[in-house]
Protein backbone atom coordinates (compact mmCIF):
# COMPACT_ATOMS: atom_id res chain seq x y z
CA LYS A 1 3.12 15.50 6.33
CA ASN A 2 0.22 17.76 6.81
CA LEU A 3 -2.20 16.27 3.75
CA TYR A 4 -4.48 14.25 6.38
CA SER A 5 -5.63 14.90 9.72
CA ASP A 6 -5.49 11.07 10.74
CA ALA A 7 -1.91 9.88 9.80
CA VAL A 8 -2.19 5.88 10.23
CA GLY A 9 -6.16 5.85 9.40
CA SER A 10 -5.23 7.60 6.13
CA THR A 11 -2.35 5.32 5.03
CA ILE A 12 -4.29 1.96 5.76
CA ARG A 13 -7.43 3.58 3.49
CA GLU A 14 -5.30 4.84 0.73
CA CYS A 15 -3.04 1.53 0.65
CA ALA A 16 -6.14 -0.32 0.59
CA SER A 17 -7.94 1.66 -1.99
CA ASN A 18 -5.12 1.50 -4.22
CA ALA A 19 -4.60 -2.67 -3.85
CA LEU A 20 -8.43 -2.73 -4.87
CA ASP A 21 -7.83 -0.78 -7.73
CA SER A 22 -5.11 -2.49 -9.06
CA HIS A 23 -7.44 -5.94 -8.39
CA ARG A 24 -10.19 -3.87 -10.55
CA ARG A 25 -7.86 -2.93 -13.47
CA ALA A 26 -6.36 -6.23 -13.26
CA GLY A 27 -9.92 -8.28 -13.55
CA VAL A 28 -8.85 -9.80 -10.33
CA ASP A 29 -11.46 -11.00 -8.17
CA LYS A 30 -9.52 -12.75 -5.06
CA PRO A 31 -9.23 -10.64 -2.04
CA ILE A 32 -6.53 -8.14 -1.09
CA ILE A 33 -4.14 -8.84 1.76
CA VAL A 34 -3.97 -6.58 4.65
CA SER A 35 -1.46 -7.88 7.39
CA LEU A 36 -0.28 -5.86 10.93
CA GLY A 37 2.51 -8.13 12.62
CA ARG A 38 6.67 -8.58 13.03
CA ASN A 39 8.56 -9.02 9.97
CA LYS A 40 12.04 -11.47 10.36
CA GLU A 41 13.96 -8.55 12.42
CA ASN A 42 11.06 -8.23 14.91
CA ASN A 43 10.05 -4.75 14.14
CA TYR A 44 6.73 -3.64 13.59
CA GLU A 45 4.63 -3.53 9.82
CA PHE A 46 1.64 -2.74 8.43
CA SER A 47 1.43 -4.24 4.67
CA VAL A 48 -1.10 -4.27 2.23
CA GLU A 49 -0.76 -6.63 -0.91
CA ASP A 50 -2.45 -6.75 -3.98
CA PHE A 51 -2.16 -9.21 -6.77
CA GLY A 52 -3.52 -7.04 -9.74
CA ILE A 53 -1.26 -5.01 -12.46
CA GLY A 54 1.23 -4.17 -10.82
CA LEU A 55 4.19 -1.62 -11.12
CA ASP A 56 7.31 -2.16 -13.32
CA ALA A 57 10.51 0.67 -13.29
CA ASP A 58 9.08 2.76 -15.65
CA ASP A 59 5.56 3.04 -13.68
CA VAL A 60 7.64 3.77 -10.52
CA LYS A 61 9.82 6.45 -12.36
CA ASN A 62 6.94 7.98 -14.43
CA ILE A 63 3.85 7.80 -12.10
CA ILE A 64 4.65 6.96 -8.42
CA SER A 65 7.52 9.08 -7.91
CA LYS A 66 5.40 12.43 -9.17
CA TYR A 67 3.32 13.89 -7.23
CA GLY A 68 -0.56 14.78 -8.97
CA LYS A 69 0.52 11.91 -11.35
CA SER A 70 -2.79 9.32 -11.51
CA THR A 71 -3.73 6.88 -13.89
CA LYS A 72 -7.54 6.99 -12.45
CA ARG A 73 -8.69 10.36 -13.95
CA ASP A 74 -10.57 9.05 -16.24
CA SER A 75 -12.14 6.00 -14.22
CA ALA A 76 -15.71 6.17 -12.98
CA THR A 77 -15.08 3.04 -10.55
CA GLU A 78 -11.80 3.73 -9.69
CA LEU A 79 -11.05 5.24 -5.66
CA GLY A 80 -8.31 7.95 -6.13
CA MET A 81 -7.23 10.55 -9.09
CA MET A 82 -4.96 12.88 -7.36
CA GLY A 83 -2.08 11.08 -7.63
CA LEU A 84 -1.37 11.57 -3.89
CA GLY A 85 -2.27 8.23 -2.14
CA PHE A 86 0.36 6.29 -2.72
CA LYS A 87 2.40 8.68 -0.77
CA ALA A 88 0.04 8.55 2.01
CA PRO A 89 2.29 6.22 4.36
CA LEU A 90 4.83 9.47 4.36
CA ALA A 91 1.94 11.24 6.28
CA TYR A 92 3.22 8.45 9.32
CA SER A 93 6.14 7.67 8.86
CA SER A 94 9.71 9.19 7.47
CA SER A 95 10.43 6.05 4.95
CA PHE A 96 8.26 3.24 3.83
CA TYR A 97 8.79 0.26 1.50
CA PHE A 98 6.77 -1.20 -1.72
CA ILE A 99 7.76 -4.48 -3.42
CA ALA A 100 6.62 -4.52 -7.44
CA ARG A 101 6.09 -7.51 -9.42
CA LYS A 102 4.97 -6.98 -13.10
CA ASP A 103 6.05 -8.95 -15.98
CA GLY A 104 7.93 -11.62 -14.49
CA MET A 105 9.92 -8.92 -12.31
CA GLU A 106 10.19 -8.27 -8.57
CA ARG A 107 11.71 -4.76 -7.48
CA LYS A 108 11.98 -3.61 -4.14
CA TYR A 109 11.92 0.01 -3.31
CA MET A 110 12.31 2.36 -0.32
CA MET A 111 10.43 5.81 -0.85
CA TYR A 112 11.49 8.54 1.56
CA GLU A 113 11.30 11.98 2.59
CA GLY A 114 14.19 14.19 1.89
CA GLU A 115 15.33 17.74 2.50
CA ASP A 116 13.65 18.87 -0.35
CA VAL A 117 11.83 16.43 -2.46
CA ASN A 118 10.82 12.63 -1.59
CA THR A 119 13.11 9.89 -2.96
CA ILE A 120 12.88 6.26 -4.27
CA ASP A 121 15.83 3.91 -4.24
CA LEU A 122 15.59 0.86 -5.62
CA LEU A 123 16.72 -1.56 -3.36
CA TYR A 124 17.02 -4.86 -5.40
CA GLU A 125 15.55 -5.94 -8.77
CA THR A 126 15.60 -10.09 -9.71
CA PRO A 127 13.40 -12.22 -12.23
CA THR A 128 10.10 -13.27 -10.10
CA ASP A 129 7.75 -16.22 -11.06
CA GLN A 130 5.29 -14.38 -8.38
CA PRO A 131 1.92 -13.02 -9.96
CA ASN A 132 1.89 -9.26 -10.87
CA GLY A 133 1.00 -6.83 -7.74
CA VAL A 134 2.51 -4.71 -5.43
CA LYS A 135 2.43 -5.11 -1.65
CA VAL A 136 3.30 -1.85 0.48
CA ILE A 137 5.23 -1.90 3.99
CA VAL A 138 4.94 0.61 6.57
CA PRO A 139 7.20 0.40 9.63
CA PHE A 140 5.75 1.25 12.62
CA LYS A 141 6.53 1.73 16.45
CA TYR A 142 4.76 -1.04 19.08
CA TYR A 143 2.97 1.80 20.84
CA ASP A 144 0.84 2.69 17.74
CA ARG A 145 0.49 -1.29 17.76
CA TYR A 146 -3.20 -0.34 19.25
CA ASN A 147 -3.96 2.34 16.86
CA PHE A 148 -3.36 0.19 13.80
CA GLU A 149 -5.26 -2.74 14.68
CA THR A 150 -8.27 0.13 15.62
CA LYS A 151 -7.83 2.06 12.46
CA THR A 152 -7.61 -1.19 10.08
CA ALA A 153 -10.92 -2.04 11.64
CA GLU A 154 -12.71 1.15 11.00
CA GLN A 155 -11.45 2.28 7.81
CA LEU A 156 -11.82 -0.94 6.25
CA ALA A 157 -14.93 -2.23 7.72
CA TYR A 158 -17.02 -1.92 4.33
CA PHE A 159 -14.88 -2.59 1.74
CA GLN A 160 -15.01 -5.88 -0.07
CA ASN A 161 -12.54 -8.79 -0.79
CA VAL A 162 -9.85 -7.87 2.02
CA TYR A 163 -8.31 -10.51 3.76
CA PHE A 164 -6.97 -9.62 6.92
CA ASN A 165 -3.96 -10.97 8.76
CA VAL A 166 -4.31 -9.25 12.05
CA ASP A 167 -4.67 -10.86 15.24
CA ARG A 168 -8.08 -9.12 16.49
CA ILE A 169 -9.57 -8.68 13.44
CA ASP A 170 -12.00 -11.75 12.16
CA ASN A 171 -12.51 -12.42 8.73
CA ASN A 172 -16.12 -13.86 9.11
CA PHE A 173 -17.38 -10.86 10.21
CA THR A 174 -20.58 -9.04 8.72
CA ILE A 175 -22.11 -6.05 8.37
C-alpha cells in the first residue's frame, strides 16, 4: 500500500508500461487500449489491454504471484525490472482483475490483499480464438472518476502507441 506516493497515477503508469513492454517483446506495433468507464454491471473500471506475449497459468504462478520476480532484468529496452509493477493496482484498491490470453486459452484472475500475503484466484478458464495478451481491470469509485481521467492524461501523455477509450482524452492530440 505504501510503495507508491500516487496510488492512482502509479496504477495507470505501471499497467500501461507493462502492456507496452509486452508489445515490444512480441513485436506488436498496434496500440494498447486504455479505457475508463462503466462495465455491464454499471460499476466504474479503469483497464489497460495489450496484445503482446500474454500469460499462461505457469506465468501467473511463477512470475506474477511473486514479489521481486521479473522477466525484464536483462532488458535494456523495457520499462520495469523490480517485479512490483503488476501489483501496483493494489496501491489503489484491495483487489483487481486480469484476463490473460496465451496459446488459445483465456483465464480470468482476481488478485486481492490477504491478511498476510496477496492472493490470486482463478475465476475461469476457457479456450479462445483471441490473440495473446493481458487486460488488467481496476474497479474504482465514482468519486475518483475525475482523478483517473486527469492522471491518465498526465501519466500517459508521452507514451506512444496508446489508444484512449476515455471520454475526455482526444486520440489526435500532439505534443
